[in-house]
Amino acid sequence: MYCVCKEHVELAIDKFVDEYEDAPDLVNLAETRFTGWTPPERCEWCDAPAAILVV
């Protein structure tokens, strides 16, 4: 699972596919709320705001 900015979505997809050998689901963090989990505010690979959850 990766929380990334829009610039790093392709990198996160590639890493997910390499690790799990399956296509991930993409979740827009601006449109989705979670009850038991708070997503990180920043991208895993840079300091930009996290926008997409790759899971």
PDB file of N, CA and C in Angstrom:
ATOM      1  N   MET A   1       0.849  -1.158   0.000  1.00  0.00           N
ATOM      2  CA  MET A   1       0.000   0.000   0.000  1.00  0.00           C
ATOM      3  C   MET A   1       0.902   1.231   0.000  1.00  0.00           C
ATOM      4  N   TYR A   2       0.594   2.158  -0.882  1.00  0.00           N
ATOM      5  CA  TYR A   2       1.380   3.386  -0.995  1.00  0.00           C
ATOM      6  C   TYR A   2       0.448   4.591  -1.025  1.00  0.00           C
ATOM      7  N   CYS A   3       0.794   5.628  -0.301  1.00  0.00           N
ATOM      8  CA  CYS A   3       0.100   6.916  -0.382  1.00  0.00           C
ATOM      9  C   CYS A   3       1.047   7.870  -1.073  1.00  0.00           C
ATOM     10  N   VAL A   4       0.647   8.319  -2.251  1.00  0.00           N
ATOM     11  CA  VAL A   4       1.569   9.100  -3.073  1.00  0.00           C
ATOM     12  C   VAL A   4       0.892  10.326  -3.677  1.00  0.00           C
ATOM     13  N   CYS A   5       1.722  11.250  -4.156  1.00  0.00           N
ATOM     14  CA  CYS A   5       1.225  12.402  -4.904  1.00  0.00           C
ATOM     15  C   CYS A   5       0.936  11.947  -6.332  1.00  0.00           C
ATOM     16  N   LYS A   6       0.311  12.818  -7.096  1.00  0.00           N
ATOM     17  CA  LYS A   6      -0.042  12.446  -8.470  1.00  0.00           C
ATOM     18  C   LYS A   6       1.202  12.195  -9.324  1.00  0.00           C
ATOM     19  N   GLU A   7       2.295  12.841  -9.012  1.00  0.00           N
ATOM     20  CA  GLU A   7       3.533  12.670  -9.779  1.00  0.00           C
ATOM     21  C   GLU A   7       4.130  11.273  -9.608  1.00  0.00           C
ATOM     22  N   HIS A   8       3.919  10.648  -8.465  1.00  0.00           N
ATOM     23  CA  HIS A   8       4.536   9.358  -8.183  1.00  0.00           C
ATOM     24  C   HIS A   8       3.588   8.169  -8.306  1.00  0.00           C
ATOM     25  N   VAL A   9       2.419   8.357  -8.904  1.00  0.00           N
ATOM     26  CA  VAL A   9       1.461   7.260  -9.054  1.00  0.00           C
ATOM     27  C   VAL A   9       2.045   6.128  -9.902  1.00  0.00           C
ATOM     28  N   GLU A  10       2.686   6.457 -11.008  1.00  0.00           N
ATOM     29  CA  GLU A  10       3.253   5.401 -11.871  1.00  0.00           C
ATOM     30  C   GLU A  10       4.308   4.589 -11.141  1.00  0.00           C
ATOM     31  N   LEU A  11       5.160   5.249 -10.378  1.00  0.00           N
ATOM     32  CA  LEU A  11       6.182   4.551  -9.605  1.00  0.00           C
ATOM     33  C   LEU A  11       5.538   3.606  -8.590  1.00  0.00           C
ATOM     34  N   ALA A  12       4.507   4.078  -7.904  1.00  0.00           N
ATOM     35  CA  ALA A  12       3.817   3.247  -6.918  1.00  0.00           C
ATOM     36  C   ALA A  12       3.141   2.044  -7.577  1.00  0.00           C
ATOM     37  N   ILE A  13       2.528   2.260  -8.734  1.00  0.00           N
ATOM     38  CA  ILE A  13       1.893   1.146  -9.464  1.00  0.00           C
ATOM     39  C   ILE A  13       2.946   0.119  -9.852  1.00  0.00           C
ATOM     40  N   ASP A  14       4.074   0.572 -10.396  1.00  0.00           N
ATOM     41  CA  ASP A  14       5.148  -0.346 -10.793  1.00  0.00           C
ATOM     42  C   ASP A  14       5.655  -1.154  -9.599  1.00  0.00           C
ATOM     43  N   LYS A  15       5.872  -0.493  -8.477  1.00  0.00           N
ATOM     44  CA  LYS A  15       6.358  -1.200  -7.287  1.00  0.00           C
ATOM     45  C   LYS A  15       5.324  -2.197  -6.781  1.00  0.00           C
ATOM     46  N   PHE A  16       4.048  -1.813  -6.806  1.00  0.00           N
ATOM     47  CA  PHE A  16       2.981  -2.707  -6.365  1.00  0.00           C
ATOM     48  C   PHE A  16       2.941  -3.953  -7.246  1.00  0.00           C
ATOM     49  N   VAL A  17       2.984  -3.766  -8.551  1.00  0.00           N
ATOM     50  CA  VAL A  17       2.933  -4.893  -9.485  1.00  0.00           C
ATOM     51  C   VAL A  17       4.158  -5.790  -9.308  1.00  0.00           C
ATOM     52  N   ASP A  18       5.332  -5.192  -9.124  1.00  0.00           N
ATOM     53  CA  ASP A  18       6.543  -5.982  -8.898  1.00  0.00           C
ATOM     54  C   ASP A  18       6.423  -6.835  -7.631  1.00  0.00           C
ATOM     55  N   GLU A  19       5.836  -6.253  -6.595  1.00  0.00           N
ATOM     56  CA  GLU A  19       5.754  -6.952  -5.309  1.00  0.00           C
ATOM     57  C   GLU A  19       4.637  -7.990  -5.267  1.00  0.00           C
ATOM     58  N   TYR A  20       3.457  -7.639  -5.783  1.00  0.00           N
ATOM     59  CA  TYR A  20       2.287  -8.517  -5.642  1.00  0.00           C
ATOM     60  C   TYR A  20       1.876  -9.238  -6.928  1.00  0.00           C
ATOM     61  N   GLU A  21       2.489  -8.889  -8.038  1.00  0.00           N
ATOM     62  CA  GLU A  21       2.184  -9.489  -9.338  1.00  0.00           C
ATOM     63  C   GLU A  21       0.698  -9.407  -9.674  1.00  0.00           C
ATOM     64  N   ASP A  22       0.093  -8.286  -9.329  1.00  0.00           N
ATOM     65  CA  ASP A  22      -1.320  -8.031  -9.590  1.00  0.00           C
ATOM     66  C   ASP A  22      -1.509  -6.531  -9.741  1.00  0.00           C
ATOM     67  N   ALA A  23      -2.550  -6.133 -10.436  1.00  0.00           N
ATOM     68  CA  ALA A  23      -2.834  -4.712 -10.614  1.00  0.00           C
ATOM     69  C   ALA A  23      -3.453  -4.138  -9.335  1.00  0.00           C
ATOM     70  N   PRO A  24      -3.036  -2.944  -8.941  1.00  0.00           N
ATOM     71  CA  PRO A  24      -3.593  -2.345  -7.725  1.00  0.00           C
ATOM     72  C   PRO A  24      -4.899  -1.607  -7.994  1.00  0.00           C
ATOM     73  N   ASP A  25      -5.584  -1.296  -6.914  1.00  0.00           N
ATOM     74  CA  ASP A  25      -6.715  -0.376  -6.973  1.00  0.00           C
ATOM     75  C   ASP A  25      -6.185   1.002  -6.604  1.00  0.00           C
ATOM     76  N   LEU A  26      -6.725   2.040  -7.244  1.00  0.00           N
ATOM     77  CA  LEU A  26      -6.336   3.410  -6.949  1.00  0.00           C
ATOM     78  C   LEU A  26      -7.506   4.120  -6.288  1.00  0.00           C
ATOM     79  N   VAL A  27      -7.244   4.770  -5.164  1.00  0.00           N
ATOM     80  CA  VAL A  27      -8.276   5.456  -4.410  1.00  0.00           C
ATOM     81  C   VAL A  27      -7.886   6.930  -4.296  1.00  0.00           C
ATOM     82  N   ASN A  28      -8.792   7.806  -4.696  1.00  0.00           N
ATOM     83  CA  ASN A  28      -8.560   9.237  -4.588  1.00  0.00           C
ATOM     84  C   ASN A  28      -8.775   9.639  -3.132  1.00  0.00           C
ATOM     85  N   LEU A  29      -7.736  10.106  -2.475  1.00  0.00           N
ATOM     86  CA  LEU A  29      -7.826  10.436  -1.057  1.00  0.00           C
ATOM     87  C   LEU A  29      -8.681  11.668  -0.792  1.00  0.00           C
ATOM     88  N   ALA A  30      -8.863  12.521  -1.776  1.00  0.00           N
ATOM     89  CA  ALA A  30      -9.699  13.712  -1.602  1.00  0.00           C
ATOM     90  C   ALA A  30     -11.182  13.362  -1.582  1.00  0.00           C
ATOM     91  N   GLU A  31     -11.536  12.227  -2.174  1.00  0.00           N
ATOM     92  CA  GLU A  31     -12.940  11.839  -2.289  1.00  0.00           C
ATOM     93  C   GLU A  31     -13.350  10.715  -1.338  1.00  0.00           C
ATOM     94  N   THR A  32     -12.408  10.154  -0.601  1.00  0.00           N
ATOM     95  CA  THR A  32     -12.685   8.982   0.220  1.00  0.00           C
ATOM     96  C   THR A  32     -12.331   9.261   1.676  1.00  0.00           C
ATOM     97  N   ARG A  33     -13.174   8.825   2.582  1.00  0.00           N
ATOM     98  CA  ARG A  33     -12.926   8.942   4.023  1.00  0.00           C
ATOM     99  C   ARG A  33     -12.858   7.538   4.614  1.00  0.00           C
ATOM    100  N   PHE A  34     -11.988   7.368   5.587  1.00  0.00           N
ATOM    101  CA  PHE A  34     -11.802   6.078   6.244  1.00  0.00           C
ATOM    102  C   PHE A  34     -12.180   6.218   7.708  1.00  0.00           C
ATOM    103  N   THR A  35     -12.824   5.204   8.268  1.00  0.00           N
ATOM    104  CA  THR A  35     -13.257   5.290   9.662  1.00  0.00           C
ATOM    105  C   THR A  35     -12.165   4.877  10.643  1.00  0.00           C
ATOM    106  N   GLY A  36     -11.345   3.901  10.298  1.00  0.00           N
ATOM    107  CA  GLY A  36     -10.354   3.392  11.241  1.00  0.00           C
ATOM    108  C   GLY A  36      -8.925   3.696  10.877  1.00  0.00           C
ATOM    109  N   TRP A  37      -8.704   4.577   9.913  1.00  0.00           N
ATOM    110  CA  TRP A  37      -7.343   4.840   9.443  1.00  0.00           C
ATOM    111  C   TRP A  37      -7.261   6.256   8.916  1.00  0.00           C
ATOM    112  N   THR A  38      -6.205   6.955   9.256  1.00  0.00           N
ATOM    113  CA  THR A  38      -5.950   8.296   8.737  1.00  0.00           C
ATOM    114  C   THR A  38      -4.769   8.213   7.778  1.00  0.00           C
ATOM    115  N   PRO A  39      -4.972   8.541   6.508  1.00  0.00           N
ATOM    116  CA  PRO A  39      -3.863   8.464   5.556  1.00  0.00           C
ATOM    117  C   PRO A  39      -2.802   9.515   5.857  1.00  0.00           C
ATOM    118  N   PRO A  40      -1.561   9.238   5.498  1.00  0.00           N
ATOM    119  CA  PRO A  40      -0.506  10.233   5.694  1.00  0.00           C
ATOM    120  C   PRO A  40      -0.785  11.487   4.868  1.00  0.00           C
ATOM    121  N   GLU A  41      -0.294  12.592   5.336  1.00  0.00           N
ATOM    122  CA  GLU A  41      -0.514  13.854   4.629  1.00  0.00           C
ATOM    123  C   GLU A  41       0.445  14.040   3.468  1.00  0.00           C
ATOM    124  N   ARG A  42       1.596  13.385   3.505  1.00  0.00           N
ATOM    125  CA  ARG A  42       2.639  13.581   2.497  1.00  0.00           C
ATOM    126  C   ARG A  42       2.912  12.311   1.706  1.00  0.00           C
ATOM    127  N   CYS A  43       3.360  12.497   0.487  1.00  0.00           N
ATOM    128  CA  CYS A  43       3.758  11.404  -0.407  1.00  0.00           C
ATOM    129  C   CYS A  43       4.903  10.612   0.223  1.00  0.00           C
ATOM    130  N   GLU A  44       4.938   9.315  -0.066  1.00  0.00           N
ATOM    131  CA  GLU A  44       6.008   8.468   0.461  1.00  0.00           C
ATOM    132  C   GLU A  44       7.360   8.768  -0.158  1.00  0.00           C
ATOM    133  N   TRP A  45       7.387   9.405  -1.342  1.00  0.00           N
ATOM    134  CA  TRP A  45       8.649   9.628  -2.030  1.00  0.00           C
ATOM    135  C   TRP A  45       9.047  11.095  -2.154  1.00  0.00           C
ATOM    136  N   CYS A  46       8.197  12.003  -1.742  1.00  0.00           N
ATOM    137  CA  CYS A  46       8.551  13.424  -1.767  1.00  0.00           C
ATOM    138  C   CYS A  46       7.718  14.155  -0.722  1.00  0.00           C
ATOM    139  N   ASP A  47       7.820  15.448  -0.677  1.00  0.00           N
ATOM    140  CA  ASP A  47       7.125  16.225   0.346  1.00  0.00           C
ATOM    141  C   ASP A  47       5.784  16.782  -0.143  1.00  0.00           C
ATOM    142  N   ALA A  48       5.339  16.375  -1.306  1.00  0.00           N
ATOM    143  CA  ALA A  48       4.052  16.841  -1.852  1.00  0.00           C
ATOM    144  C   ALA A  48       2.907  16.177  -1.094  1.00  0.00           C
ATOM    145  N   PRO A  49       1.731  16.803  -1.105  1.00  0.00           N
ATOM    146  CA  PRO A  49       0.576  16.189  -0.439  1.00  0.00           C
ATOM    147  C   PRO A  49       0.195  14.847  -1.079  1.00  0.00           C
ATOM    148  N   ALA A  50      -0.123  13.871  -0.245  1.00  0.00           N
ATOM    149  CA  ALA A  50      -0.579  12.567  -0.750  1.00  0.00           C
ATOM    150  C   ALA A  50      -1.962  12.737  -1.368  1.00  0.00           C
ATOM    151  N   ALA A  51      -2.160  12.212  -2.567  1.00  0.00           N
ATOM    152  CA  ALA A  51      -3.423  12.367  -3.278  1.00  0.00           C
ATOM    153  C   ALA A  51      -4.057  11.039  -3.648  1.00  0.00           C
ATOM    154  N   ILE A  52      -3.239   9.991  -3.798  1.00  0.00           N
ATOM    155  CA  ILE A  52      -3.725   8.694  -4.284  1.00  0.00           C
ATOM    156  C   ILE A  52      -3.237   7.587  -3.347  1.00  0.00           C
ATOM    157  N   LEU A  53      -4.146   6.684  -3.023  1.00  0.00           N
ATOM    158  CA  LEU A  53      -3.804   5.475  -2.281  1.00  0.00           C
ATOM    159  C   LEU A  53      -3.725   4.349  -3.293  1.00  0.00           C
ATOM    160  N   VAL A  54      -2.583   3.699  -3.377  1.00  0.00           N
ATOM    161  CA  VAL A  54      -2.384   2.563  -4.272  1.00  0.00           C
ATOM    162  C   VAL A  54      -2.408   1.319  -3.400  1.00  0.00           C
ATOM    163  N   VAL A  55      -3.446   0.498  -3.617  1.00  0.00           N
ATOM    164  CA  VAL A  55      -3.635  -0.667  -2.744  1.00  0.00           C
ATOM    165  C   VAL A  55      -4.124  -1.874  -3.530  1.00  0.00           C
TER     166      VAL A  55
END
